[in-house]
Amino acid sequence: MFASKLGLALAVALLISQGTALADPPGHEHGGEHPGEAHGPAPESHGGPPHGETHPGPKGYQRINEPHGWNERPKAVDRPSYQHNFQAARSFKVGPYHRPHGWVAHHWGYGQILPRTYWAPEYILADYWLFALEVPPAGYEWVRDDNDALLVSTDTGEILQVEYGAFG
């Protein structure tokens, strides 16, 4: 009895594997067309997803390099000159923000202490110049919290400056 069930299971598995091998004609493994082949009917005519040619990428695009002096951080911190809550002059679209698990939205201001979980590496804005943020002084980093950019002490978590609405 066991041998017949095992044989039946193997036969079914063999049929399934042969059926999937026959589903795509040779040369059309999960990616569709090869360069130089005829394209066949328009995607709309067969109801499947559209298959286009490979996009070569943007032309004439040059990677944005760090500006000169981007990491020449001031050694001394003139705290009163930084202690401000600004409304950002521009708002940047950079993708969704996911706050740390278990935390809720909060409106931060300079002088407050940002919990360590908010200035973990995934929230640090290492490329701050792309968002019109000034060079942070030594011992500080720009951090994103929702739509705001916060200048935070990496020793204590104290917020030295806020740019509200830097991200939209």
Protein backbone atom coordinates (compact mmCIF):
# COMPACT_ATOMS: atom_id res chain seq x y z
CA MET A 1 0.00 0.00 0.00
CA PHE A 2 2.78 2.42 1.02
CA ALA A 3 4.76 1.62 -2.14
CA SER A 4 1.76 2.40 -4.39
CA LYS A 5 1.15 5.77 -2.64
CA LEU A 6 4.83 6.63 -2.96
CA GLY A 7 4.78 5.67 -6.64
CA LEU A 8 1.66 7.79 -7.23
CA ALA A 9 3.26 10.78 -5.47
CA LEU A 10 6.42 10.46 -7.59
CA ALA A 11 4.36 10.21 -10.78
CA VAL A 12 2.42 13.36 -9.90
CA ALA A 13 5.66 15.23 -9.09
CA LEU A 14 7.13 14.13 -12.43
CA LEU A 15 4.05 15.31 -14.34
CA ILE A 16 4.11 18.68 -12.59
CA SER A 17 7.80 19.23 -13.31
CA GLN A 18 7.31 18.29 -16.98
CA GLY A 19 4.30 20.60 -17.22
CA THR A 20 6.28 23.59 -15.97
CA ALA A 21 9.12 22.77 -18.34
CA LEU A 22 6.67 22.81 -21.24
CA ALA A 23 4.98 26.03 -20.13
CA ASP A 24 7.76 28.24 -21.55
CA PRO A 25 9.22 27.54 -24.97
CA PRO A 26 13.00 27.01 -24.99
CA GLY A 27 14.90 30.27 -24.68
CA HIS A 28 12.08 32.07 -22.84
CA GLU A 29 12.88 31.32 -19.22
CA HIS A 30 11.23 33.84 -16.84
CA GLY A 31 12.52 36.96 -18.46
CA GLY A 32 10.98 36.74 -21.80
CA GLU A 33 12.70 38.03 -24.87
CA HIS A 34 16.32 38.01 -25.88
CA PRO A 35 17.87 40.92 -27.79
CA GLY A 36 17.22 40.65 -31.50
CA GLU A 37 14.16 38.40 -31.22
CA ALA A 38 10.78 39.34 -32.60
CA HIS A 39 8.58 40.90 -29.93
CA GLY A 40 5.32 39.12 -30.70
CA PRO A 41 1.89 40.57 -30.00
CA ALA A 42 1.38 43.71 -27.91
CA PRO A 43 1.09 43.05 -24.14
CA GLU A 44 -2.53 44.22 -24.15
CA SER A 45 -3.54 41.50 -26.63
CA HIS A 46 -2.65 38.57 -24.35
CA GLY A 47 -3.49 40.12 -20.96
CA GLY A 48 -0.06 39.46 -19.40
CA PRO A 49 2.32 41.96 -17.92
CA PRO A 50 4.16 44.16 -20.42
CA HIS A 51 7.70 43.08 -21.33
CA GLY A 52 9.85 45.87 -22.67
CA GLU A 53 13.41 46.23 -23.64
CA THR A 54 16.05 46.70 -20.99
CA HIS A 55 16.48 50.37 -20.08
CA PRO A 56 20.11 51.47 -20.41
CA GLY A 57 19.73 54.11 -17.67
CA PRO A 58 19.89 57.87 -17.78
CA LYS A 59 22.11 59.57 -20.35
CA GLY A 60 24.23 62.54 -19.40
CA TYR A 61 23.70 62.00 -15.68
CA GLN A 62 26.63 62.61 -13.41
CA ARG A 63 26.67 61.41 -9.82
CA ILE A 64 26.44 64.24 -7.35
CA ASN A 65 29.75 64.40 -5.55
CA GLU A 66 30.23 65.72 -2.08
CA PRO A 67 30.90 69.47 -2.13
CA HIS A 68 34.36 70.73 -1.26
CA GLY A 69 34.78 70.81 2.52
CA TRP A 70 31.65 68.72 3.14
CA ASN A 71 33.26 66.95 6.07
CA GLU A 72 35.39 69.77 7.50
CA ARG A 73 33.41 69.97 10.69
CA PRO A 74 33.84 72.90 13.04
CA LYS A 75 35.86 71.72 16.05
CA ALA A 76 34.23 74.11 18.53
CA VAL A 77 30.47 74.45 18.90
CA ASP A 78 29.04 77.94 19.30
CA ARG A 79 25.81 76.64 20.85
CA PRO A 80 23.77 79.87 20.75
CA SER A 81 24.37 80.22 17.00
CA TYR A 82 22.90 76.75 16.41
CA GLN A 83 20.04 76.74 18.93
CA HIS A 84 17.10 77.39 16.60
CA ASN A 85 13.94 75.69 15.38
CA PHE A 86 13.75 76.66 11.71
CA GLN A 87 11.11 76.10 9.07
CA ALA A 88 13.02 74.52 6.16
CA ALA A 89 13.36 76.73 3.09
CA ARG A 90 12.77 73.67 0.87
CA SER A 91 11.17 70.28 1.24
CA PHE A 92 12.75 67.17 -0.29
CA LYS A 93 10.97 63.98 -1.39
CA VAL A 94 13.13 61.05 -0.32
CA GLY A 95 10.78 58.16 0.32
CA PRO A 96 8.73 56.87 3.21
CA TYR A 97 9.78 57.27 6.81
CA HIS A 98 9.35 54.45 9.31
CA ARG A 99 9.79 55.55 12.91
CA PRO A 100 11.26 53.11 15.40
CA HIS A 101 8.88 50.32 16.42
CA GLY A 102 6.70 51.25 19.36
CA TRP A 103 7.33 55.01 19.15
CA VAL A 104 4.77 57.65 18.22
CA ALA A 105 5.06 60.97 16.39
CA HIS A 106 6.59 63.79 18.40
CA HIS A 107 7.27 67.46 17.63
CA TRP A 108 10.90 67.91 18.70
CA GLY A 109 12.64 71.18 19.55
CA TYR A 110 16.21 72.19 20.32
CA GLY A 111 17.30 71.45 23.87
CA GLN A 112 15.26 68.24 24.08
CA ILE A 113 16.90 64.81 24.30
CA LEU A 114 16.23 62.53 21.33
CA PRO A 115 16.06 58.85 22.40
CA ARG A 116 18.96 56.76 21.09
CA THR A 117 16.70 54.62 18.93
CA TYR A 118 15.98 57.69 16.76
CA TRP A 119 19.61 58.35 15.95
CA ALA A 120 20.49 54.84 14.91
CA PRO A 121 22.41 54.54 11.60
CA GLU A 122 19.25 54.11 9.47
CA TYR A 123 18.06 57.61 10.49
CA ILE A 124 21.37 59.52 10.17
CA LEU A 125 21.57 61.88 7.18
CA ALA A 126 25.19 61.30 6.21
CA ASP A 127 24.62 63.15 2.91
CA TYR A 128 23.19 66.23 4.61
CA TRP A 129 24.44 68.61 1.89
CA LEU A 130 21.89 67.10 -0.51
CA PHE A 131 19.12 68.45 1.74
CA ALA A 132 20.52 71.99 2.15
CA LEU A 133 21.62 71.24 5.72
CA GLU A 134 24.79 72.85 7.03
CA VAL A 135 27.92 70.95 8.02
CA PRO A 136 27.37 69.56 11.53
CA PRO A 137 29.99 70.39 14.14
CA ALA A 138 32.24 67.62 15.47
CA GLY A 139 30.23 65.26 17.68
CA TYR A 140 26.88 66.01 16.00
CA GLU A 141 24.91 64.39 13.17
CA TRP A 142 21.81 65.29 11.21
CA VAL A 143 19.00 62.79 11.80
CA ARG A 144 15.65 62.41 10.06
CA ASP A 145 12.49 62.14 12.12
CA ASP A 146 9.43 62.00 9.91
CA ASN A 147 9.45 65.28 7.91
CA ASP A 148 12.04 67.03 10.08
CA ALA A 149 15.84 67.12 10.20
CA LEU A 150 17.36 67.26 13.68
CA LEU A 151 20.95 68.16 14.55
CA VAL A 152 21.76 65.78 17.41
CA SER A 153 24.71 65.26 19.76
CA THR A 154 26.06 61.74 19.22
CA ASP A 155 27.15 61.64 22.88
CA THR A 156 23.97 62.72 24.68
CA GLY A 157 21.16 62.85 22.09
CA GLU A 158 20.56 66.53 22.81
CA ILE A 159 18.93 68.30 19.86
CA LEU A 160 20.93 71.39 18.91
CA GLN A 161 18.85 72.52 15.91
CA VAL A 162 15.67 71.54 14.04
CA GLU A 163 14.66 72.05 10.40
CA TYR A 164 10.89 71.47 10.32
CA GLY A 165 9.45 70.23 7.02
CA ALA A 166 12.78 69.34 5.39
CA PHE A 167 11.13 66.22 3.93
CA GLY A 168 7.74 66.04 2.30
